[in-house]
Amino acid sequence: MIGIVAAVLAIIPFLGVVAFLLGPVAVILGIIGLRLKFRKRGTALAGLVLGVLALIIASIVITSIASGIKSATNPPAPSNPPVATSPAPETTVLTPNPLDNATPGQKNALRKAESYIEFQAFSRQGLVEQLEFNKFSPEDATWAVDHLTVDWRDQATRKAQSYLENQAFSRQGLIDQLVFNKFPAEDATWAVDHVTVDWNEQAAKKGKSYLENQAFSREGLIDQLVFNGFTRQQAEYAVTQAGL
């Protein structure tokens, strides 16, 4: 009877403590009943089993209740929402102006170089030498030329075009002329290959200018034009145009 009561109480929340008290009593009485010879063993065994069962159920129920109470009294800490981070401000790198620390001589040399380059084409070395001719020191002249905003290959092309406007040149003769004006051979070659020119017509103009000053045989004029850098084919075209 005690085992039945303990099992029932073990199921009911908050009465499991009573089941903890009655359960051991039912177990003890069941053991004693099994030992007595004149007691019904079935009843004693049932009391023993119910007593043990009451202890187990009461343990589970009480543990569940304790866990629920602990969860209710200690709620989980709220998770912190992600903090929006603003992008780092862009850093502006200030490039120092080279003119801020320039000497008066350097500034004047730069002004002179800019005026020259505005009206005619120069090589880098040719412009340095021109400034030195104007009595600027080599240091100031070099500093000024190196602080110009200029495309030296464009300068070589402009120089080549200006030569072609005034006199006739072969391709190689024009390259040699630009190198003489202090342009590097690579820039001179690039410039000559990027001008708009008909080399046959240049040979014809050169042949005509020779004939205006002296007499030539056909073969003699061909040799003279080849000496000036024209190809044999260009030279033959020129003398044919001249009527030789």
C-alpha atoms as a PDB file:
ATOM      1  CA  MET A   1       0.000   0.000   0.000  1.00  0.00           C
ATOM      2  CA  ILE A   2       2.809   2.414   0.877  1.00  0.00           C
ATOM      3  CA  GLY A   3       4.545   1.633  -2.453  1.00  0.00           C
ATOM      4  CA  ILE A   4       1.395   2.538  -4.390  1.00  0.00           C
ATOM      5  CA  VAL A   5       1.053   5.849  -2.549  1.00  0.00           C
ATOM      6  CA  ALA A   6       4.735   6.663  -3.102  1.00  0.00           C
ATOM      7  CA  ALA A   7       4.483   5.923  -6.838  1.00  0.00           C
ATOM      8  CA  VAL A   8       1.418   8.126  -7.242  1.00  0.00           C
ATOM      9  CA  LEU A   9       2.959  11.008  -5.290  1.00  0.00           C
ATOM     10  CA  ALA A  10       6.184  10.748  -7.291  1.00  0.00           C
ATOM     11  CA  ILE A  11       4.286  11.664 -10.473  1.00  0.00           C
ATOM     12  CA  ILE A  12       2.715  14.790  -8.944  1.00  0.00           C
ATOM     13  CA  PRO A  13       5.035  17.856  -9.124  1.00  0.00           C
ATOM     14  CA  PHE A  14       6.236  19.285  -5.800  1.00  0.00           C
ATOM     15  CA  LEU A  15       4.983  16.114  -3.939  1.00  0.00           C
ATOM     16  CA  GLY A  16       7.965  14.091  -5.067  1.00  0.00           C
ATOM     17  CA  VAL A  17       9.670  14.965  -1.763  1.00  0.00           C
ATOM     18  CA  VAL A  18       6.997  12.906   0.055  1.00  0.00           C
ATOM     19  CA  ALA A  19       7.611  10.092  -2.418  1.00  0.00           C
ATOM     20  CA  PHE A  20      11.306  10.250  -1.458  1.00  0.00           C
ATOM     21  CA  LEU A  21      10.233   9.581   2.148  1.00  0.00           C
ATOM     22  CA  LEU A  22       7.647   6.870   1.418  1.00  0.00           C
ATOM     23  CA  GLY A  23       9.656   5.110  -1.264  1.00  0.00           C
ATOM     24  CA  PRO A  24      12.436   3.890   1.040  1.00  0.00           C
ATOM     25  CA  VAL A  25       9.779   2.788   3.578  1.00  0.00           C
ATOM     26  CA  ALA A  26       8.033   0.746   0.877  1.00  0.00           C
ATOM     27  CA  VAL A  27      11.355  -0.817  -0.165  1.00  0.00           C
ATOM     28  CA  ILE A  28      12.244  -1.740   3.423  1.00  0.00           C
ATOM     29  CA  LEU A  29       8.788  -3.194   4.135  1.00  0.00           C
ATOM     30  CA  GLY A  30       8.908  -5.116   0.867  1.00  0.00           C
ATOM     31  CA  ILE A  31      12.264  -6.677   1.830  1.00  0.00           C
ATOM     32  CA  ILE A  32      10.940  -7.570   5.256  1.00  0.00           C
ATOM     33  CA  GLY A  33       7.795  -9.070   3.708  1.00  0.00           C
ATOM     34  CA  LEU A  34       9.904 -11.237   1.446  1.00  0.00           C
ATOM     35  CA  ARG A  35      11.798 -12.568   4.448  1.00  0.00           C
ATOM     36  CA  LEU A  36       8.679 -13.437   6.492  1.00  0.00           C
ATOM     37  CA  LYS A  37       7.519 -16.953   5.855  1.00  0.00           C
ATOM     38  CA  PHE A  38       3.855 -16.402   6.510  1.00  0.00           C
ATOM     39  CA  ARG A  39       3.397 -13.221   4.405  1.00  0.00           C
ATOM     40  CA  LYS A  40       2.268 -13.207   0.807  1.00  0.00           C
ATOM     41  CA  ARG A  41       5.392 -12.773  -1.264  1.00  0.00           C
ATOM     42  CA  GLY A  42       3.476 -11.239  -4.173  1.00  0.00           C
ATOM     43  CA  THR A  43       2.331  -8.279  -2.099  1.00  0.00           C
ATOM     44  CA  ALA A  44       5.798  -7.789  -0.615  1.00  0.00           C
ATOM     45  CA  LEU A  45       7.443  -7.930  -4.049  1.00  0.00           C
ATOM     46  CA  ALA A  46       4.947  -5.441  -5.457  1.00  0.00           C
ATOM     47  CA  GLY A  47       5.630  -3.071  -2.570  1.00  0.00           C
ATOM     48  CA  LEU A  48       9.375  -3.386  -3.159  1.00  0.00           C
ATOM     49  CA  VAL A  49       9.102  -2.721  -6.884  1.00  0.00           C
ATOM     50  CA  LEU A  50       6.689   0.206  -6.429  1.00  0.00           C
ATOM     51  CA  GLY A  51       8.975   1.716  -3.797  1.00  0.00           C
ATOM     52  CA  VAL A  52      11.978   1.609  -6.149  1.00  0.00           C
ATOM     53  CA  LEU A  53       9.856   2.899  -9.025  1.00  0.00           C
ATOM     54  CA  ALA A  54       8.595   5.773  -6.860  1.00  0.00           C
ATOM     55  CA  LEU A  55      12.173   6.776  -6.028  1.00  0.00           C
ATOM     56  CA  ILE A  56      13.170   6.763  -9.716  1.00  0.00           C
ATOM     57  CA  ILE A  57      10.114   8.744 -10.877  1.00  0.00           C
ATOM     58  CA  ALA A  58      10.458  11.232  -8.016  1.00  0.00           C
ATOM     59  CA  SER A  59      14.134  11.774  -8.928  1.00  0.00           C
ATOM     60  CA  ILE A  60      13.268  12.483 -12.586  1.00  0.00           C
ATOM     61  CA  VAL A  61      10.382  14.829 -11.728  1.00  0.00           C
ATOM     62  CA  ILE A  62      12.315  16.786  -9.100  1.00  0.00           C
ATOM     63  CA  THR A  63      15.336  17.129 -11.421  1.00  0.00           C
ATOM     64  CA  SER A  64      13.112  18.470 -14.213  1.00  0.00           C
ATOM     65  CA  ILE A  65      11.458  20.963 -11.869  1.00  0.00           C
ATOM     66  CA  ALA A  66      14.823  22.150 -10.561  1.00  0.00           C
ATOM     67  CA  SER A  67      16.119  22.667 -14.096  1.00  0.00           C
ATOM     68  CA  GLY A  68      13.029  24.662 -15.008  1.00  0.00           C
ATOM     69  CA  ILE A  69      13.364  26.881 -11.963  1.00  0.00           C
ATOM     70  CA  LYS A  70      17.054  27.482 -12.698  1.00  0.00           C
ATOM     71  CA  SER A  71      16.275  28.437 -16.300  1.00  0.00           C
ATOM     72  CA  ALA A  72      13.524  30.812 -15.207  1.00  0.00           C
ATOM     73  CA  THR A  73      15.676  32.547 -12.585  1.00  0.00           C
ATOM     74  CA  ASN A  74      18.757  32.735 -14.860  1.00  0.00           C
ATOM     75  CA  PRO A  75      17.526  33.710 -18.335  1.00  0.00           C
ATOM     76  CA  PRO A  76      20.161  33.588 -21.077  1.00  0.00           C
ATOM     77  CA  ALA A  77      22.011  36.820 -21.547  1.00  0.00           C
ATOM     78  CA  PRO A  78      20.666  38.737 -24.548  1.00  0.00           C
ATOM     79  CA  SER A  79      22.971  38.615 -27.524  1.00  0.00           C
ATOM     80  CA  ASN A  80      24.462  41.929 -28.442  1.00  0.00           C
ATOM     81  CA  PRO A  81      23.264  43.141 -31.841  1.00  0.00           C
ATOM     82  CA  PRO A  82      26.056  43.685 -34.360  1.00  0.00           C
ATOM     83  CA  VAL A  83      27.452  47.162 -34.128  1.00  0.00           C
ATOM     84  CA  ALA A  84      27.469  48.964 -37.448  1.00  0.00           C
ATOM     85  CA  THR A  85      30.935  50.214 -38.180  1.00  0.00           C
ATOM     86  CA  SER A  86      31.363  53.225 -40.376  1.00  0.00           C
ATOM     87  CA  PRO A  87      34.022  52.980 -43.115  1.00  0.00           C
ATOM     88  CA  ALA A  88      37.366  54.471 -42.286  1.00  0.00           C
ATOM     89  CA  PRO A  89      37.718  57.949 -43.702  1.00  0.00           C
ATOM     90  CA  GLU A  90      39.824  58.191 -46.824  1.00  0.00           C
ATOM     91  CA  THR A  91      43.276  59.534 -46.248  1.00  0.00           C
ATOM     92  CA  THR A  92      44.320  62.237 -48.662  1.00  0.00           C
ATOM     93  CA  VAL A  93      48.017  62.108 -49.449  1.00  0.00           C
ATOM     94  CA  LEU A  94      49.320  65.533 -50.293  1.00  0.00           C
ATOM     95  CA  THR A  95      52.101  65.495 -52.872  1.00  0.00           C
ATOM     96  CA  PRO A  96      54.601  68.236 -52.151  1.00  0.00           C
ATOM     97  CA  ASN A  97      55.030  70.808 -54.912  1.00  0.00           C
ATOM     98  CA  PRO A  98      58.676  70.717 -56.081  1.00  0.00           C
ATOM     99  CA  LEU A  99      58.508  74.444 -56.741  1.00  0.00           C
ATOM    100  CA  ASP A 100      58.012  75.118 -53.025  1.00  0.00           C
ATOM    101  CA  ASN A 101      61.694  74.437 -52.379  1.00  0.00           C
ATOM    102  CA  ALA A 102      63.045  75.672 -55.720  1.00  0.00           C
ATOM    103  CA  THR A 103      65.640  78.426 -55.781  1.00  0.00           C
ATOM    104  CA  PRO A 104      65.039  81.642 -57.759  1.00  0.00           C
ATOM    105  CA  GLY A 105      67.549  80.451 -60.357  1.00  0.00           C
ATOM    106  CA  GLN A 106      65.686  77.163 -60.824  1.00  0.00           C
ATOM    107  CA  LYS A 107      62.316  78.912 -61.125  1.00  0.00           C
ATOM    108  CA  ASN A 108      63.640  81.299 -63.765  1.00  0.00           C
ATOM    109  CA  ALA A 109      65.275  78.486 -65.692  1.00  0.00           C
ATOM    110  CA  LEU A 110      61.980  76.610 -65.668  1.00  0.00           C
ATOM    111  CA  ARG A 111      60.092  79.650 -66.990  1.00  0.00           C
ATOM    112  CA  LYS A 112      62.664  80.027 -69.795  1.00  0.00           C
ATOM    113  CA  ALA A 113      62.459  76.340 -70.689  1.00  0.00           C
ATOM    114  CA  GLU A 114      58.642  76.519 -70.861  1.00  0.00           C
ATOM    115  CA  SER A 115      58.815  79.505 -73.202  1.00  0.00           C
ATOM    116  CA  TYR A 116      61.254  77.717 -75.518  1.00  0.00           C
ATOM    117  CA  ILE A 117      59.268  74.495 -75.630  1.00  0.00           C
ATOM    118  CA  GLU A 118      56.083  76.398 -76.426  1.00  0.00           C
ATOM    119  CA  PHE A 119      57.364  77.709 -79.767  1.00  0.00           C
ATOM    120  CA  GLN A 120      59.792  75.064 -81.049  1.00  0.00           C
ATOM    121  CA  ALA A 121      60.779  71.467 -80.546  1.00  0.00           C
ATOM    122  CA  PHE A 122      63.802  70.480 -78.473  1.00  0.00           C
ATOM    123  CA  SER A 123      65.469  67.319 -77.282  1.00  0.00           C
ATOM    124  CA  ARG A 124      66.104  67.109 -73.559  1.00  0.00           C
ATOM    125  CA  GLN A 125      69.843  67.614 -73.952  1.00  0.00           C
ATOM    126  CA  GLY A 126      69.344  70.271 -76.582  1.00  0.00           C
ATOM    127  CA  LEU A 127      67.137  72.298 -74.241  1.00  0.00           C
ATOM    128  CA  VAL A 128      69.602  71.951 -71.355  1.00  0.00           C
ATOM    129  CA  GLU A 129      72.351  73.299 -73.614  1.00  0.00           C
ATOM    130  CA  GLN A 130      70.114  76.133 -74.806  1.00  0.00           C
ATOM    131  CA  LEU A 131      69.504  77.211 -71.206  1.00  0.00           C
ATOM    132  CA  GLU A 132      73.206  77.037 -70.479  1.00  0.00           C
ATOM    133  CA  PHE A 133      73.768  79.224 -73.541  1.00  0.00           C
ATOM    134  CA  ASN A 134      71.419  81.696 -71.838  1.00  0.00           C
ATOM    135  CA  LYS A 135      73.859  81.712 -68.871  1.00  0.00           C
ATOM    136  CA  PHE A 136      71.872  79.470 -66.548  1.00  0.00           C
ATOM    137  CA  SER A 137      74.066  77.143 -64.500  1.00  0.00           C
ATOM    138  CA  PRO A 138      74.178  73.494 -65.623  1.00  0.00           C
ATOM    139  CA  GLU A 139      72.476  72.497 -62.342  1.00  0.00           C
ATOM    140  CA  ASP A 140      69.585  74.963 -62.753  1.00  0.00           C
ATOM    141  CA  ALA A 141      69.218  74.168 -66.464  1.00  0.00           C
ATOM    142  CA  THR A 142      69.055  70.427 -65.804  1.00  0.00           C
ATOM    143  CA  TRP A 143      66.621  70.890 -62.893  1.00  0.00           C
ATOM    144  CA  ALA A 144      64.336  73.032 -65.048  1.00  0.00           C
ATOM    145  CA  VAL A 145      64.252  70.614 -67.996  1.00  0.00           C
ATOM    146  CA  ASP A 146      63.583  67.652 -65.693  1.00  0.00           C
ATOM    147  CA  HIS A 147      60.598  69.477 -64.170  1.00  0.00           C
ATOM    148  CA  LEU A 148      58.874  70.176 -67.482  1.00  0.00           C
ATOM    149  CA  THR A 149      55.725  68.310 -68.445  1.00  0.00           C
ATOM    150  CA  VAL A 150      56.833  67.152 -71.883  1.00  0.00           C
ATOM    151  CA  ASP A 151      56.792  64.095 -74.160  1.00  0.00           C
ATOM    152  CA  TRP A 152      60.259  63.913 -75.715  1.00  0.00           C
ATOM    153  CA  ARG A 153      59.138  61.594 -78.512  1.00  0.00           C
ATOM    154  CA  ASP A 154      56.470  64.100 -79.422  1.00  0.00           C
ATOM    155  CA  GLN A 155      59.189  66.759 -79.473  1.00  0.00           C
ATOM    156  CA  ALA A 156      61.257  64.582 -81.830  1.00  0.00           C
ATOM    157  CA  THR A 157      58.253  64.127 -84.135  1.00  0.00           C
ATOM    158  CA  ARG A 158      57.597  67.885 -84.206  1.00  0.00           C
ATOM    159  CA  LYS A 159      61.275  68.522 -84.985  1.00  0.00           C
ATOM    160  CA  ALA A 160      61.267  65.967 -87.811  1.00  0.00           C
ATOM    161  CA  GLN A 161      58.118  67.504 -89.311  1.00  0.00           C
ATOM    162  CA  SER A 162      59.612  71.000 -89.166  1.00  0.00           C
ATOM    163  CA  TYR A 163      62.734  69.802 -91.025  1.00  0.00           C
ATOM    164  CA  LEU A 164      60.615  68.186 -93.751  1.00  0.00           C
ATOM    165  CA  GLU A 165      58.717  71.437 -94.263  1.00  0.00           C
ATOM    166  CA  ASN A 166      61.935  73.249 -95.243  1.00  0.00           C
ATOM    167  CA  GLN A 167      64.147  70.739 -97.019  1.00  0.00           C
ATOM    168  CA  ALA A 168      64.244  67.190 -98.375  1.00  0.00           C
ATOM    169  CA  PHE A 169      65.605  64.280 -96.329  1.00  0.00           C
ATOM    170  CA  SER A 170      65.986  60.575 -96.723  1.00  0.00           C
ATOM    171  CA  ARG A 171      64.704  58.455 -93.854  1.00  0.00           C
ATOM    172  CA  GLN A 172      68.209  57.749 -92.562  1.00  0.00           C
ATOM    173  CA  GLY A 173      69.310  61.325 -93.191  1.00  0.00           C
ATOM    174  CA  LEU A 174      66.451  62.656 -91.072  1.00  0.00           C
ATOM    175  CA  ILE A 175      67.245  60.217 -88.257  1.00  0.00           C
ATOM    176  CA  ASP A 176      70.871  61.362 -88.321  1.00  0.00           C
ATOM    177  CA  GLN A 177      69.760  64.994 -88.228  1.00  0.00           C
ATOM    178  CA  LEU A 178      67.620  64.405 -85.128  1.00  0.00           C
ATOM    179  CA  VAL A 179      70.465  62.566 -83.411  1.00  0.00           C
ATOM    180  CA  PHE A 180      72.680  65.556 -84.228  1.00  0.00           C
ATOM    181  CA  ASN A 181      70.074  67.671 -82.401  1.00  0.00           C
ATOM    182  CA  LYS A 182      70.688  65.522 -79.293  1.00  0.00           C
ATOM    183  CA  PHE A 183      67.639  63.262 -79.561  1.00  0.00           C
ATOM    184  CA  PRO A 184      68.365  59.649 -78.543  1.00  0.00           C
ATOM    185  CA  ALA A 185      68.579  57.304 -81.542  1.00  0.00           C
ATOM    186  CA  GLU A 186      65.485  55.385 -80.370  1.00  0.00           C
ATOM    187  CA  ASP A 187      63.384  58.556 -80.146  1.00  0.00           C
ATOM    188  CA  ALA A 188      64.718  59.829 -83.480  1.00  0.00           C
ATOM    189  CA  THR A 189      63.857  56.551 -85.228  1.00  0.00           C
ATOM    190  CA  TRP A 190      60.418  56.457 -83.619  1.00  0.00           C
ATOM    191  CA  ALA A 191      59.719  60.036 -84.699  1.00  0.00           C
ATOM    192  CA  VAL A 192      60.795  59.520 -88.323  1.00  0.00           C
ATOM    193  CA  ASP A 193      58.653  56.384 -88.559  1.00  0.00           C
ATOM    194  CA  HIS A 194      55.636  58.356 -87.296  1.00  0.00           C
ATOM    195  CA  VAL A 195      55.738  61.357 -89.656  1.00  0.00           C
ATOM    196  CA  THR A 196      53.583  61.457 -92.758  1.00  0.00           C
ATOM    197  CA  VAL A 197      56.035  61.466 -95.656  1.00  0.00           C
ATOM    198  CA  ASP A 198      56.564  60.048 -99.154  1.00  0.00           C
ATOM    199  CA  TRP A 199      60.271  59.142 -99.409  1.00  0.00           C
ATOM    200  CA  ASN A 200      60.128  58.950-103.205  1.00  0.00           C
ATOM    201  CA  GLU A 201      58.942  62.554-103.306  1.00  0.00           C
ATOM    202  CA  GLN A 202      61.661  63.523-100.809  1.00  0.00           C
ATOM    203  CA  ALA A 203      64.262  61.964-103.149  1.00  0.00           C
ATOM    204  CA  ALA A 204      62.753  63.855-106.120  1.00  0.00           C
ATOM    205  CA  LYS A 205      62.911  67.181-104.219  1.00  0.00           C
ATOM    206  CA  LYS A 206      66.516  66.503-103.190  1.00  0.00           C
ATOM    207  CA  GLY A 207      67.503  65.609-106.775  1.00  0.00           C
ATOM    208  CA  LYS A 208      65.894  68.772-108.104  1.00  0.00           C
ATOM    209  CA  SER A 209      67.753  70.939-105.553  1.00  0.00           C
ATOM    210  CA  TYR A 210      71.066  69.385-106.635  1.00  0.00           C
ATOM    211  CA  LEU A 211      70.356  70.047-110.314  1.00  0.00           C
ATOM    212  CA  GLU A 212      69.550  73.698-109.571  1.00  0.00           C
ATOM    213  CA  ASN A 213      73.134  74.264-108.399  1.00  0.00           C
ATOM    214  CA  GLN A 214      75.240  71.936-110.544  1.00  0.00           C
ATOM    215  CA  ALA A 215      75.099  69.460-113.415  1.00  0.00           C
ATOM    216  CA  PHE A 216      74.882  65.714-112.864  1.00  0.00           C
ATOM    217  CA  SER A 217      74.766  62.690-115.065  1.00  0.00           C
ATOM    218  CA  ARG A 218      71.923  60.265-114.359  1.00  0.00           C
ATOM    219  CA  GLU A 219      74.213  57.789-112.640  1.00  0.00           C
ATOM    220  CA  GLY A 220      76.097  60.545-110.830  1.00  0.00           C
ATOM    221  CA  LEU A 221      72.880  61.943-109.349  1.00  0.00           C
ATOM    222  CA  ILE A 222      71.736  58.468-108.341  1.00  0.00           C
ATOM    223  CA  ASP A 223      75.030  57.950-106.484  1.00  0.00           C
ATOM    224  CA  GLN A 224      74.698  61.341-104.777  1.00  0.00           C
ATOM    225  CA  LEU A 225      71.193  60.548-103.580  1.00  0.00           C
ATOM    226  CA  VAL A 226      72.226  57.107-102.321  1.00  0.00           C
ATOM    227  CA  PHE A 227      75.077  58.829-100.457  1.00  0.00           C
ATOM    228  CA  ASN A 228      72.406  61.019 -98.805  1.00  0.00           C
ATOM    229  CA  GLY A 229      70.654  57.921 -97.447  1.00  0.00           C
ATOM    230  CA  PHE A 230      68.029  57.308-100.118  1.00  0.00           C
ATOM    231  CA  THR A 231      67.561  53.771-101.402  1.00  0.00           C
ATOM    232  CA  ARG A 232      68.595  52.911-104.986  1.00  0.00           C
ATOM    233  CA  GLN A 233      64.941  52.628-105.964  1.00  0.00           C
ATOM    234  CA  GLN A 234      64.116  56.043-104.480  1.00  0.00           C
ATOM    235  CA  ALA A 235      67.132  57.607-106.208  1.00  0.00           C
ATOM    236  CA  GLU A 236      66.148  56.147-109.596  1.00  0.00           C
ATOM    237  CA  TYR A 237      62.610  57.471-109.158  1.00  0.00           C
ATOM    238  CA  ALA A 238      64.057  60.948-108.412  1.00  0.00           C
ATOM    239  CA  VAL A 239      66.327  61.149-111.493  1.00  0.00           C
ATOM    240  CA  THR A 240      63.545  59.865-113.707  1.00  0.00           C
ATOM    241  CA  GLN A 241      61.284  62.635-112.391  1.00  0.00           C
ATOM    242  CA  ALA A 242      64.095  65.100-113.161  1.00  0.00           C
ATOM    243  CA  GLY A 243      64.159  63.926-116.802  1.00  0.00           C
ATOM    244  CA  LEU A 244      67.556  62.204-116.709  1.00  0.00           C
END
